[in-house]
């Protein structure tokens, strides 16, 4: 079970907080946003339906069985939403994974990283998944060419093809064409699901299942959350509650940054996934009417209690631009009592007999109180436990809340025009035909900024 509470935006809990009736002012906007998303669910908004696609799950299990028969090491090529979700899933369950099968995410084009990995791995026991929705992501294509050569030279053309799996657009793009021409197994990212909303598609499921994560439970939890975030009654809809908290924090309290701060190391990597989701979805120059608005809410990843000794000083005493989304996992997976070592020292005697989880819980409660006392708004998100089903639900909740927040803000939460500009310029520099104008534009810009 996952619950969301926004009491930490209102007086008297929050020093200088909003009156309770401030929530009424955004309820109509939330209802309109939710109704719009539901009306688009069968058209261009597809992430709600991803967890219930049982035929995809069967195909994933079959492909993982095949890959495991060939390889102990799986290299996942992808960047951004093609990688972060899978990384977040595996990081959440890293202590419990089957260490016989290892997954290596290559999410950058730093040659030292990929070159070092290939020096350590053995081609006869390695497989590759290449993930790109468009089939044209330049970083992933560059990686793919290197891996094709590495496998083909060492094992031959047939083995190279057998050890590759693509996750891409169902109808177009280079990877789709290669899969058709060379008989490489391919999985589709639904056309109405953007990369940052694709964690519960084969993008995340394939590497998770290869590593031993219970992907059936992951999708079951996601499906259960879909029932909750599609509820028409706002008070029963945790995504609308979370969106209300984000909107009120920004529009009524001037909080331009939202800190994602789980008190769980297992959820540390979900912070990077959240940062991409929130930043790329909500950071827009124009609204849906084409007017320049420069919208967005800056996402910041933190983790408790670690960042109490790093970023918390800024959140409490710095400029009043922060709201904090605090995640609490009520029941941990491990018990670790603090022993009565140094029993003669009063500095540590108060810790004897406590479980380490008690220490973490006290840190979270104290941080929450310190934030509220300082006038920093807090949104509380509570997970009863962290298992595969809960994590699947968490992904769906955050996706739905982000989409709803974007609609209320008046922007399109499903495109990323700012990213596309940089992509086109990079392609121009690398000499791709048709992008000469972007190259000239970049060179002209650099001529004005010597010392680059």
Protein backbone atom coordinates (compact mmCIF):
# COMPACT_ATOMS: atom_id res chain seq x y z
CA UNK A 1 0.00 0.00 0.00
CA UNK A 2 1.21 3.49 -0.89
CA UNK A 3 -0.30 6.62 0.61
CA UNK A 4 0.20 10.30 -0.15
CA UNK A 5 -0.43 13.16 2.30
CA UNK A 6 -0.02 16.90 1.76
CA UNK A 7 -0.69 18.12 5.32
CA UNK A 8 2.84 19.53 5.28
CA UNK A 9 1.72 22.36 2.99
CA UNK A 10 -0.82 23.81 5.39
CA UNK A 11 -0.84 25.71 8.66
CA UNK A 12 -0.42 24.92 11.48
CA UNK A 13 1.79 21.95 10.47
CA UNK A 14 3.88 24.17 8.17
CA UNK A 15 5.25 27.40 9.57
CA UNK A 16 3.70 30.06 7.35
CA UNK A 17 1.68 27.41 5.55
CA UNK A 18 -1.42 27.72 3.41
CA UNK A 19 -4.97 27.77 4.75
CA UNK A 20 -6.83 24.53 4.18
CA UNK A 21 -9.23 26.09 1.69
CA UNK A 22 -6.31 26.74 -0.67
CA UNK A 23 -6.78 23.18 -1.86
CA UNK A 24 -10.27 24.00 -3.10
CA UNK A 25 -8.82 26.50 -5.54
CA UNK A 26 -6.97 23.81 -7.52
CA UNK A 27 -9.56 21.03 -7.29
CA UNK A 28 -11.42 22.11 -10.42
CA UNK A 29 -8.16 22.28 -12.37
CA UNK A 30 -7.20 18.82 -11.13
CA UNK A 31 -10.58 17.41 -12.16
CA UNK A 32 -10.26 18.86 -15.65
CA UNK A 33 -6.69 17.56 -15.97
CA UNK A 34 -7.69 14.09 -14.82
CA UNK A 35 -10.67 13.96 -17.16
CA UNK A 36 -8.50 14.99 -20.08
CA UNK A 37 -5.95 12.28 -19.32
CA UNK A 38 -8.70 9.67 -19.07
CA UNK A 39 -10.16 10.81 -22.40
CA UNK A 40 -6.74 10.42 -24.02
CA UNK A 41 -6.00 7.05 -22.43
CA UNK A 42 -6.96 5.01 -25.48
CA UNK A 43 -5.26 7.44 -27.85
CA UNK A 44 -1.95 9.17 -27.21
CA UNK A 45 -1.53 8.51 -23.46
CA UNK A 46 -0.62 4.86 -23.04
CA UNK A 47 1.34 4.40 -19.81
CA UNK A 48 -1.80 3.58 -17.81
CA UNK A 49 -2.34 0.40 -19.82
CA UNK A 50 1.22 -0.92 -19.85
CA UNK A 51 0.99 -3.00 -16.62
CA UNK A 52 -1.92 -5.11 -17.90
CA UNK A 53 -0.35 -6.33 -21.15
CA UNK A 54 -0.01 -9.99 -20.21
CA UNK A 55 1.11 -11.10 -23.67
CA UNK A 56 4.15 -8.82 -23.39
CA UNK A 57 5.01 -10.38 -20.04
CA UNK A 58 4.90 -13.88 -21.52
CA UNK A 59 7.18 -12.81 -24.36
CA UNK A 60 9.61 -11.23 -21.88
CA UNK A 61 9.84 -14.45 -19.87
CA UNK A 62 10.49 -16.47 -23.03
CA UNK A 63 13.19 -14.10 -24.21
CA UNK A 64 14.91 -14.04 -20.81
CA UNK A 65 14.97 -17.83 -20.78
CA UNK A 66 16.64 -17.74 -24.19
CA UNK A 67 19.17 -15.08 -23.21
CA UNK A 68 20.08 -16.87 -19.99
CA UNK A 69 20.83 -20.01 -21.99
CA UNK A 70 23.42 -18.00 -23.93
CA UNK A 71 24.85 -15.55 -21.44
CA UNK A 72 25.71 -14.76 -17.85
CA UNK A 73 26.29 -11.07 -18.60
CA UNK A 74 23.76 -8.79 -20.24
CA UNK A 75 24.80 -5.39 -21.61
CA UNK A 76 21.94 -2.87 -21.86
CA UNK A 77 22.56 -0.07 -24.34
CA UNK A 78 20.33 2.96 -23.88
CA UNK A 79 20.24 6.48 -22.50
CA UNK A 80 17.74 8.49 -20.47
CA UNK A 81 14.37 6.79 -20.22
CA UNK A 82 15.80 3.81 -22.08
CA UNK A 83 18.05 3.03 -19.12
CA UNK A 84 17.10 4.82 -15.90
CA UNK A 85 13.99 2.78 -15.17
CA UNK A 86 15.82 -0.52 -15.49
CA UNK A 87 18.62 0.76 -13.30
CA UNK A 88 16.13 1.87 -10.65
CA UNK A 89 14.47 -1.56 -10.58
CA UNK A 90 17.70 -3.49 -10.25
CA UNK A 91 19.11 -1.12 -7.63
CA UNK A 92 15.98 -1.57 -5.51
CA UNK A 93 16.54 -5.32 -5.28
CA UNK A 94 20.30 -5.57 -5.69
CA UNK A 95 20.88 -7.51 -2.44
CA UNK A 96 18.34 -10.17 -3.44
CA UNK A 97 19.24 -10.65 -7.12
CA UNK A 98 20.51 -13.87 -8.68
CA UNK A 99 24.22 -13.11 -8.95
CA UNK A 100 24.65 -15.81 -11.57
CA UNK A 101 23.22 -13.34 -14.08
CA UNK A 102 24.66 -9.85 -14.22
CA UNK A 103 23.30 -6.74 -15.97
CA UNK A 104 25.52 -3.87 -17.10
CA UNK A 105 23.84 -0.61 -18.10
CA UNK A 106 25.84 1.49 -20.54
CA UNK A 107 24.03 4.82 -20.51
CA UNK A 108 26.74 7.13 -21.80
CA UNK A 109 29.24 7.27 -24.66
CA UNK A 110 32.30 7.67 -22.47
CA UNK A 111 34.80 5.35 -24.22
CA UNK A 112 36.57 4.51 -20.96
CA UNK A 113 33.37 3.02 -19.54
CA UNK A 114 32.39 0.82 -22.46
CA UNK A 115 35.98 -0.06 -23.34
CA UNK A 116 36.71 -1.13 -19.79
CA UNK A 117 33.56 -3.24 -19.66
CA UNK A 118 34.42 -5.08 -22.86
CA UNK A 119 37.89 -5.84 -21.53
CA UNK A 120 36.31 -7.57 -18.52
CA UNK A 121 33.58 -9.56 -20.28
CA UNK A 122 33.81 -12.71 -22.38
CA UNK A 123 31.91 -12.60 -25.69
CA UNK A 124 30.79 -16.27 -25.52
CA UNK A 125 28.91 -15.52 -22.26
CA UNK A 126 27.55 -12.07 -23.13
CA UNK A 127 24.27 -10.83 -24.64
CA UNK A 128 23.14 -7.33 -25.60
CA UNK A 129 19.86 -5.41 -25.42
CA UNK A 130 19.72 -2.15 -27.41
CA UNK A 131 16.95 0.24 -26.39
CA UNK A 132 15.88 3.30 -28.38
CA UNK A 133 12.29 4.33 -29.00
CA UNK A 134 13.11 6.23 -32.18
CA UNK A 135 15.68 3.75 -33.39
CA UNK A 136 17.89 6.74 -34.14
CA UNK A 137 19.41 7.75 -30.79
CA UNK A 138 22.97 8.56 -31.80
CA UNK A 139 24.58 7.47 -28.53
CA UNK A 140 22.88 4.09 -28.61
CA UNK A 141 23.64 3.55 -32.29
CA UNK A 142 27.33 4.27 -31.71
CA UNK A 143 27.35 1.75 -28.86
CA UNK A 144 25.49 -0.76 -30.98
CA UNK A 145 28.03 -0.59 -33.80
CA UNK A 146 30.83 -1.30 -31.35
CA UNK A 147 29.00 -4.27 -29.80
CA UNK A 148 28.07 -5.72 -33.19
CA UNK A 149 31.71 -5.67 -34.25
CA UNK A 150 32.88 -7.07 -30.89
CA UNK A 151 30.50 -10.03 -31.10
CA UNK A 152 30.82 -10.62 -34.84
CA UNK A 153 34.62 -10.68 -34.89
CA UNK A 154 34.86 -13.01 -31.91
CA UNK A 155 31.85 -15.27 -32.46
CA UNK A 156 30.64 -14.82 -36.03
CA UNK A 157 27.64 -13.22 -37.70
CA UNK A 158 25.08 -15.78 -36.57
CA UNK A 159 26.06 -15.66 -32.91
CA UNK A 160 26.13 -11.88 -33.01
CA UNK A 161 22.52 -11.79 -34.16
CA UNK A 162 21.44 -14.48 -31.69
CA UNK A 163 22.89 -12.54 -28.77
CA UNK A 164 21.11 -9.30 -29.58
CA UNK A 165 17.64 -8.11 -28.64
CA UNK A 166 16.12 -4.77 -29.65
CA UNK A 167 13.53 -2.68 -27.83
CA UNK A 168 12.25 0.02 -30.16
CA UNK A 169 9.35 1.52 -32.09
CA UNK A 170 6.90 -1.09 -33.37
CA UNK A 171 6.83 0.18 -36.96
CA UNK A 172 9.80 2.37 -37.89
CA UNK A 173 13.43 3.26 -37.28
CA UNK A 174 16.77 1.57 -37.90
CA UNK A 175 16.45 -1.01 -35.13
CA UNK A 176 13.02 -2.04 -36.37
CA UNK A 177 14.42 -2.45 -39.89
CA UNK A 178 17.47 -4.40 -38.71
CA UNK A 179 15.28 -6.72 -36.71
CA UNK A 180 13.21 -7.45 -39.82
CA UNK A 181 16.22 -7.88 -42.12
CA UNK A 182 18.50 -9.87 -39.82
CA UNK A 183 16.03 -11.88 -37.77
CA UNK A 184 17.00 -10.18 -34.50
CA UNK A 185 14.39 -10.50 -31.78
CA UNK A 186 12.60 -7.23 -31.14
CA UNK A 187 10.19 -5.84 -28.55
CA UNK A 188 7.99 -2.83 -29.10
CA UNK A 189 7.69 0.28 -27.00
CA UNK A 190 4.05 1.26 -27.56
CA UNK A 191 3.73 4.25 -29.86
CA UNK A 192 1.73 6.16 -27.23
CA UNK A 193 4.28 5.61 -24.43
CA UNK A 194 7.23 8.00 -24.24
CA UNK A 195 10.64 6.85 -23.12
CA UNK A 196 10.44 8.35 -19.63
CA UNK A 197 7.07 6.64 -19.08
CA UNK A 198 8.30 3.26 -20.35
CA UNK A 199 9.81 1.65 -17.26
CA UNK A 200 7.13 -1.08 -17.08
CA UNK A 201 7.46 -1.97 -20.77
CA UNK A 202 10.19 -4.34 -22.02
CA UNK A 203 12.56 -1.37 -21.54
CA UNK A 204 12.66 -2.16 -17.83
CA UNK A 205 11.18 -5.66 -17.74
CA UNK A 206 13.82 -7.42 -19.84
CA UNK A 207 16.89 -6.44 -17.77
CA UNK A 208 14.93 -6.83 -14.54
CA UNK A 209 13.77 -10.34 -15.39
CA UNK A 210 17.25 -11.34 -16.55
CA UNK A 211 18.61 -10.31 -13.15
CA UNK A 212 15.94 -12.26 -11.30
CA UNK A 213 13.42 -9.58 -10.31
CA UNK A 214 9.83 -10.77 -9.95
CA UNK A 215 8.47 -8.84 -12.92
CA UNK A 216 5.04 -10.49 -12.59
CA UNK A 217 4.66 -8.85 -9.18
CA UNK A 218 6.13 -5.60 -10.52
CA UNK A 219 3.38 -5.38 -13.14
CA UNK A 220 0.68 -6.57 -10.74
CA UNK A 221 1.57 -3.73 -8.41
CA UNK A 222 1.53 -1.31 -11.31
CA UNK A 223 -1.89 -2.56 -12.41
CA UNK A 224 -3.26 -2.18 -8.88
CA UNK A 225 -2.03 1.42 -8.78
CA UNK A 226 -3.62 2.12 -12.17
CA UNK A 227 -6.99 1.37 -10.56
CA UNK A 228 -6.27 4.00 -7.91
CA UNK A 229 -4.85 6.74 -10.14
CA UNK A 230 -7.71 6.47 -12.62
CA UNK A 231 -10.35 6.95 -9.91
CA UNK A 232 -12.62 9.92 -10.64
CA UNK A 233 -12.99 10.97 -7.01
CA UNK A 234 -10.00 13.18 -6.19
CA UNK A 235 -9.85 12.13 -2.55
CA UNK A 236 -9.39 8.50 -3.65
CA UNK A 237 -6.75 9.33 -6.27
CA UNK A 238 -3.19 9.51 -4.88
CA UNK A 239 -1.81 10.89 -8.16
CA UNK A 240 -4.15 13.86 -8.00
CA UNK A 241 -3.22 14.39 -4.34
CA UNK A 242 0.49 14.41 -5.21
CA UNK A 243 -0.13 16.72 -8.18
CA UNK A 244 -2.10 19.06 -5.93
CA UNK A 245 0.83 19.20 -3.53
CA UNK A 246 3.31 19.98 -6.30
CA UNK A 247 1.08 22.65 -7.86
CA UNK A 248 0.25 24.35 -4.56
CA UNK A 249 3.89 24.31 -3.48
CA UNK A 250 4.89 26.07 -6.69
CA UNK A 251 1.98 28.38 -7.42
CA UNK A 252 0.95 29.39 -3.90
CA UNK A 253 4.18 29.00 -1.93
CA UNK A 254 6.68 29.90 -4.65
CA UNK A 255 8.54 26.61 -4.41
CA UNK A 256 10.24 26.20 -7.77
CA UNK A 257 12.19 23.05 -6.80
CA UNK A 258 10.84 19.69 -5.68
CA UNK A 259 13.25 17.46 -3.76
CA UNK A 260 12.68 13.70 -4.04
CA UNK A 261 14.06 12.25 -0.81
CA UNK A 262 13.47 8.57 0.02
CA UNK A 263 14.60 7.22 3.36
CA UNK A 264 15.75 4.00 1.73
CA UNK A 265 19.00 3.21 -0.06
CA UNK A 266 17.08 0.78 -2.24
CA UNK A 267 15.13 3.73 -3.68
CA UNK A 268 18.21 5.88 -4.24
CA UNK A 269 18.24 5.23 -8.00
CA UNK A 270 14.54 6.00 -8.34
CA UNK A 271 15.64 9.56 -7.61
CA UNK A 272 17.50 9.83 -10.91
CA UNK A 273 14.54 8.28 -12.71
CA UNK A 274 12.23 10.82 -11.03
CA UNK A 275 14.52 13.71 -11.99
CA UNK A 276 14.25 12.84 -15.67
CA UNK A 277 10.50 12.26 -15.48
CA UNK A 278 9.79 15.57 -13.74
CA UNK A 279 12.36 17.69 -15.61
CA UNK A 280 11.69 16.50 -19.15
CA UNK A 281 7.93 16.40 -18.70
CA UNK A 282 7.41 19.78 -17.03
CA UNK A 283 10.28 21.96 -18.26
CA UNK A 284 8.72 23.70 -21.27
CA UNK A 285 9.29 27.05 -22.97
CA UNK A 286 5.75 27.19 -24.36
CA UNK A 287 2.34 26.21 -23.09
CA UNK A 288 -0.13 24.25 -25.16
CA UNK A 289 -1.38 27.45 -26.79
CA UNK A 290 2.09 28.24 -28.10
CA UNK A 291 2.63 31.09 -25.63
CA UNK A 292 6.04 31.46 -24.00
CA UNK A 293 5.72 30.58 -20.31
CA UNK A 294 9.07 29.02 -19.28
CA UNK A 295 7.27 26.48 -17.11
CA UNK A 296 8.78 23.82 -14.90
CA UNK A 297 9.56 22.68 -11.40
CA UNK A 298 13.18 21.79 -10.75
CA UNK A 299 13.56 18.18 -9.50
CA UNK A 300 16.38 17.40 -7.09
CA UNK A 301 17.43 13.92 -6.03
CA UNK A 302 18.39 13.35 -2.40
CA UNK A 303 18.38 10.41 -0.01
CA UNK A 304 17.86 10.25 3.74
CA UNK A 305 19.70 10.20 5.99
CA UNK A 306 22.75 10.76 3.75
CA UNK A 307 21.70 14.16 2.46
CA UNK A 308 20.93 15.47 5.92
CA UNK A 309 24.69 15.89 5.98
CA UNK A 310 24.88 17.41 2.50
CA UNK A 311 21.83 19.21 1.08
CA UNK A 312 19.51 19.66 4.06
CA UNK A 313 21.27 22.84 5.18
CA UNK A 314 20.23 24.42 1.87
CA UNK A 315 16.64 23.18 2.10
CA UNK A 316 16.24 24.57 5.63
CA UNK A 317 18.24 27.80 5.64
CA UNK A 318 18.71 28.56 1.96
CA UNK A 319 16.45 30.50 -0.41
CA UNK A 320 12.75 29.63 0.02
CA UNK A 321 12.43 27.77 -3.27
CA UNK A 322 12.29 24.15 -2.09
CA UNK A 323 9.50 21.70 -1.36
CA UNK A 324 10.44 18.19 -0.24
CA UNK A 325 8.79 14.91 -1.18
CA UNK A 326 9.69 12.61 1.71
CA UNK A 327 9.39 8.85 1.09
CA UNK A 328 9.10 6.53 4.05
CA UNK A 329 9.30 2.73 3.85
CA UNK A 330 7.44 1.59 6.96
CA UNK A 331 8.74 -1.96 7.10
CA UNK A 332 12.31 -2.66 6.08
CA UNK A 333 13.58 -5.97 4.73
CA UNK A 334 16.33 -6.42 7.31
CA UNK A 335 16.64 -6.27 11.07
CA UNK A 336 19.93 -5.04 12.42
CA UNK A 337 20.04 -4.39 16.16
CA UNK A 338 22.64 -2.07 17.62
CA UNK A 339 24.79 -4.12 20.07
CA UNK A 340 25.88 -2.97 23.50
CA UNK A 341 29.48 -2.31 22.49
CA UNK A 342 31.24 0.44 24.47
CA UNK A 343 28.69 -0.09 27.22
CA UNK A 344 30.59 2.19 29.58
CA UNK A 345 30.32 5.20 27.25
CA UNK A 346 27.27 7.46 27.68
CA UNK A 347 27.79 8.88 24.18
CA UNK A 348 26.40 5.68 22.65
CA UNK A 349 24.49 4.04 25.48
CA UNK A 350 21.15 5.42 24.26
CA UNK A 351 21.58 3.41 21.05
CA UNK A 352 21.99 0.02 22.71
CA UNK A 353 19.13 -2.36 22.01
CA UNK A 354 17.64 -0.27 19.22
CA UNK A 355 17.30 -1.51 15.67
CA UNK A 356 19.11 0.47 12.97
CA UNK A 357 15.70 1.03 11.36
CA UNK A 358 14.71 3.00 14.46
CA UNK A 359 17.64 5.30 13.91
CA UNK A 360 16.63 5.88 10.28
CA UNK A 361 13.00 6.51 11.27
CA UNK A 362 14.04 9.03 13.92
CA UNK A 363 16.21 10.80 11.35
CA UNK A 364 13.27 11.06 8.94
CA UNK A 365 10.84 12.35 11.57
CA UNK A 366 13.35 14.90 12.82
CA UNK A 367 14.13 16.09 9.29
CA UNK A 368 10.44 16.47 8.53
CA UNK A 369 9.93 18.55 11.65
CA UNK A 370 12.98 20.71 10.91
CA UNK A 371 11.75 21.38 7.38
CA UNK A 372 8.26 22.34 8.55
CA UNK A 373 9.62 24.57 11.31
CA UNK A 374 11.73 26.36 8.70
CA UNK A 375 8.70 26.89 6.45
CA UNK A 376 9.78 24.32 3.86
CA UNK A 377 6.70 22.46 2.53
CA UNK A 378 6.67 18.66 2.84
CA UNK A 379 4.71 16.09 0.82
CA UNK A 380 4.64 12.70 2.54
CA UNK A 381 4.68 9.46 0.56
CA UNK A 382 4.54 6.27 2.58
CA UNK A 383 5.24 2.72 1.38
CA UNK A 384 4.20 -0.06 3.75
CA UNK A 385 7.07 -2.17 2.47
CA UNK A 386 9.41 -2.29 -0.50
CA UNK A 387 8.78 -5.26 -2.75
CA UNK A 388 8.31 -5.66 -6.48
CA UNK A 389 4.59 -4.91 -6.38
CA UNK A 390 5.09 -1.73 -4.37
CA UNK A 391 7.84 -0.52 -6.69
CA UNK A 392 5.61 -1.08 -9.72
CA UNK A 393 2.91 0.94 -8.00
CA UNK A 394 5.35 3.71 -7.17
CA UNK A 395 6.38 4.08 -10.81
CA UNK A 396 2.75 4.37 -11.96
CA UNK A 397 1.89 6.82 -9.18
CA UNK A 398 4.74 9.18 -10.04
CA UNK A 399 4.04 8.97 -13.78
CA UNK A 400 0.35 9.76 -13.30
CA UNK A 401 1.10 12.59 -10.87
CA UNK A 402 3.60 14.09 -13.31
CA UNK A 403 1.16 13.94 -16.21
CA UNK A 404 -1.60 15.53 -14.13
CA UNK A 405 0.74 18.27 -12.88
CA UNK A 406 1.74 19.08 -16.45
CA UNK A 407 -1.84 19.42 -17.65
CA UNK A 408 -2.68 21.72 -14.71
CA UNK A 409 0.40 23.82 -15.57
CA UNK A 410 -0.94 24.17 -19.10
CA UNK A 411 1.98 22.47 -20.83
CA UNK A 412 2.45 19.22 -22.74
CA UNK A 413 4.01 16.69 -20.33
CA UNK A 414 4.68 14.18 -23.10
CA UNK A 415 7.08 15.97 -25.47
CA UNK A 416 10.67 17.22 -25.14
CA UNK A 417 11.38 19.87 -27.79
CA UNK A 418 14.34 21.34 -25.92
CA UNK A 419 16.19 18.03 -26.01
CA UNK A 420 15.61 17.63 -29.72
CA UNK A 421 17.50 20.85 -30.55
CA UNK A 422 20.71 19.58 -28.97
CA UNK A 423 20.31 16.20 -30.62
CA UNK A 424 20.05 17.77 -34.05
CA UNK A 425 23.13 19.92 -33.50
CA UNK A 426 25.17 16.90 -32.40
CA UNK A 427 24.09 15.02 -35.53
CA UNK A 428 25.18 17.99 -37.61
CA UNK A 429 28.62 18.01 -35.99
CA UNK A 430 28.96 14.29 -36.63
CA UNK A 431 28.19 14.75 -40.31
CA UNK A 432 24.76 13.16 -40.65
CA UNK A 433 23.22 14.16 -44.01
CA UNK A 434 20.37 16.62 -43.69
CA UNK A 435 21.70 18.31 -40.57
CA UNK A 436 24.15 20.72 -42.18
CA UNK A 437 22.11 23.74 -41.10
CA UNK A 438 22.29 22.71 -37.44
CA UNK A 439 26.05 22.32 -37.75
CA UNK A 440 26.41 25.80 -39.23
CA UNK A 441 24.25 27.23 -36.46
CA UNK A 442 26.39 25.62 -33.80
CA UNK A 443 29.67 26.70 -35.39
CA UNK A 444 28.37 30.27 -35.61
CA UNK A 445 27.43 30.15 -31.94
CA UNK A 446 30.85 28.84 -30.94
CA UNK A 447 32.56 31.58 -32.92
CA UNK A 448 30.95 34.05 -30.50
CA UNK A 449 32.21 32.14 -27.45
CA UNK A 450 35.96 31.52 -27.77
CA UNK A 451 37.59 29.28 -25.18
CA UNK A 452 34.97 26.53 -25.48
